[in-house]
Amino acid sequence: MQLLILLILILVIFLGSFGYMTVQYQLERQALKDEVLP
C-alpha cells in the first residue's frame, strides 16, 4: 500500500514539474514574440 502512495507521489511531482516547465517555455516564447514586435 505504501508503494502505491509513493508511486502516485512521484507521478504527481513529475507531472507538476513537467507542467511548470511547459508554462515557463510558453512564457519565454511569448516574451520573445513581444520583443520582436514593435
N, C-alpha and C. Protein backbone atom coordinates (compact mmCIF):
# COMPACT_ATOMS: atom_id res chain seq x y z
N MET A 1 0.84 -1.21 0.00
CA MET A 1 0.00 0.00 0.00
C MET A 1 0.87 1.26 0.00
N GLN A 2 1.94 1.23 0.78
CA GLN A 2 2.82 2.39 0.82
C GLN A 2 3.50 2.61 -0.52
N LEU A 3 3.81 1.51 -1.21
CA LEU A 3 4.47 1.61 -2.52
C LEU A 3 3.57 2.35 -3.50
N LEU A 4 2.28 2.06 -3.46
CA LEU A 4 1.32 2.72 -4.35
C LEU A 4 1.28 4.22 -4.08
N ILE A 5 1.27 4.59 -2.81
CA ILE A 5 1.26 6.02 -2.44
C ILE A 5 2.54 6.68 -2.94
N LEU A 6 3.66 6.00 -2.80
CA LEU A 6 4.94 6.54 -3.25
C LEU A 6 4.93 6.75 -4.76
N LEU A 7 4.40 5.78 -5.51
CA LEU A 7 4.32 5.91 -6.96
C LEU A 7 3.44 7.09 -7.36
N ILE A 8 2.30 7.24 -6.71
CA ILE A 8 1.40 8.35 -7.01
C ILE A 8 2.09 9.68 -6.71
N LEU A 9 2.81 9.74 -5.61
CA LEU A 9 3.52 10.96 -5.23
C LEU A 9 4.56 11.33 -6.29
N ILE A 10 5.34 10.34 -6.74
CA ILE A 10 6.35 10.57 -7.77
C ILE A 10 5.68 11.05 -9.06
N LEU A 11 4.57 10.42 -9.41
CA LEU A 11 3.85 10.79 -10.63
C LEU A 11 3.36 12.23 -10.54
N VAL A 12 2.80 12.62 -9.40
CA VAL A 12 2.31 13.99 -9.22
C VAL A 12 3.46 14.99 -9.33
N ILE A 13 4.58 14.70 -8.69
CA ILE A 13 5.74 15.59 -8.74
C ILE A 13 6.26 15.70 -10.17
N PHE A 14 6.33 14.57 -10.88
CA PHE A 14 6.81 14.56 -12.26
C PHE A 14 5.90 15.39 -13.15
N LEU A 15 4.60 15.16 -13.04
CA LEU A 15 3.64 15.91 -13.87
C LEU A 15 3.67 17.40 -13.51
N GLY A 16 3.80 17.70 -12.24
CA GLY A 16 3.84 19.09 -11.80
C GLY A 16 5.05 19.82 -12.37
N SER A 17 6.23 19.20 -12.28
CA SER A 17 7.44 19.84 -12.80
C SER A 17 7.38 19.95 -14.32
N PHE A 18 6.79 18.95 -14.98
CA PHE A 18 6.65 18.98 -16.44
C PHE A 18 5.72 20.12 -16.85
N GLY A 19 4.62 20.26 -16.14
CA GLY A 19 3.68 21.33 -16.44
C GLY A 19 4.32 22.70 -16.20
N TYR A 20 5.10 22.82 -15.12
CA TYR A 20 5.78 24.07 -14.81
C TYR A 20 6.75 24.44 -15.91
N MET A 21 7.52 23.45 -16.39
CA MET A 21 8.47 23.70 -17.48
C MET A 21 7.74 24.14 -18.74
N THR A 22 6.60 23.51 -19.04
CA THR A 22 5.83 23.88 -20.23
C THR A 22 5.34 25.32 -20.11
N VAL A 23 4.86 25.71 -18.93
CA VAL A 23 4.38 27.09 -18.73
C VAL A 23 5.54 28.07 -18.91
N GLN A 24 6.70 27.76 -18.32
CA GLN A 24 7.86 28.63 -18.45
C GLN A 24 8.25 28.79 -19.92
N TYR A 25 8.22 27.68 -20.67
CA TYR A 25 8.56 27.69 -22.09
C TYR A 25 7.60 28.60 -22.86
N GLN A 26 6.31 28.48 -22.58
CA GLN A 26 5.30 29.31 -23.26
C GLN A 26 5.52 30.78 -22.92
N LEU A 27 5.82 31.09 -21.65
CA LEU A 27 6.05 32.47 -21.25
C LEU A 27 7.28 33.03 -21.95
N GLU A 28 8.34 32.24 -22.07
CA GLU A 28 9.55 32.70 -22.75
C GLU A 28 9.26 32.99 -24.21
N ARG A 29 8.51 32.09 -24.87
CA ARG A 29 8.16 32.30 -26.27
C ARG A 29 7.33 33.58 -26.43
N GLN A 30 6.38 33.80 -25.50
CA GLN A 30 5.55 35.00 -25.56
C GLN A 30 6.42 36.25 -25.38
N ALA A 31 7.37 36.19 -24.47
CA ALA A 31 8.26 37.32 -24.23
C ALA A 31 9.10 37.61 -25.47
N LEU A 32 9.60 36.56 -26.12
CA LEU A 32 10.39 36.74 -27.34
C LEU A 32 9.53 37.38 -28.42
N LYS A 33 8.29 36.91 -28.55
CA LYS A 33 7.38 37.47 -29.55
C LYS A 33 7.14 38.96 -29.26
N ASP A 34 6.95 39.31 -28.00
CA ASP A 34 6.71 40.71 -27.65
C ASP A 34 7.94 41.56 -27.96
N GLU A 35 9.14 41.01 -27.77
CA GLU A 35 10.36 41.77 -28.06
C GLU A 35 10.50 42.02 -29.55
N VAL A 36 10.14 41.01 -30.36
CA VAL A 36 10.30 41.14 -31.81
C VAL A 36 9.33 42.18 -32.36
N LEU A 37 8.10 42.16 -31.86
CA LEU A 37 7.10 43.12 -32.36
C LEU A 37 7.40 44.52 -31.84
N PRO A 38 7.21 45.54 -32.67
CA PRO A 38 7.46 46.92 -32.25
C PRO A 38 6.38 47.42 -31.29
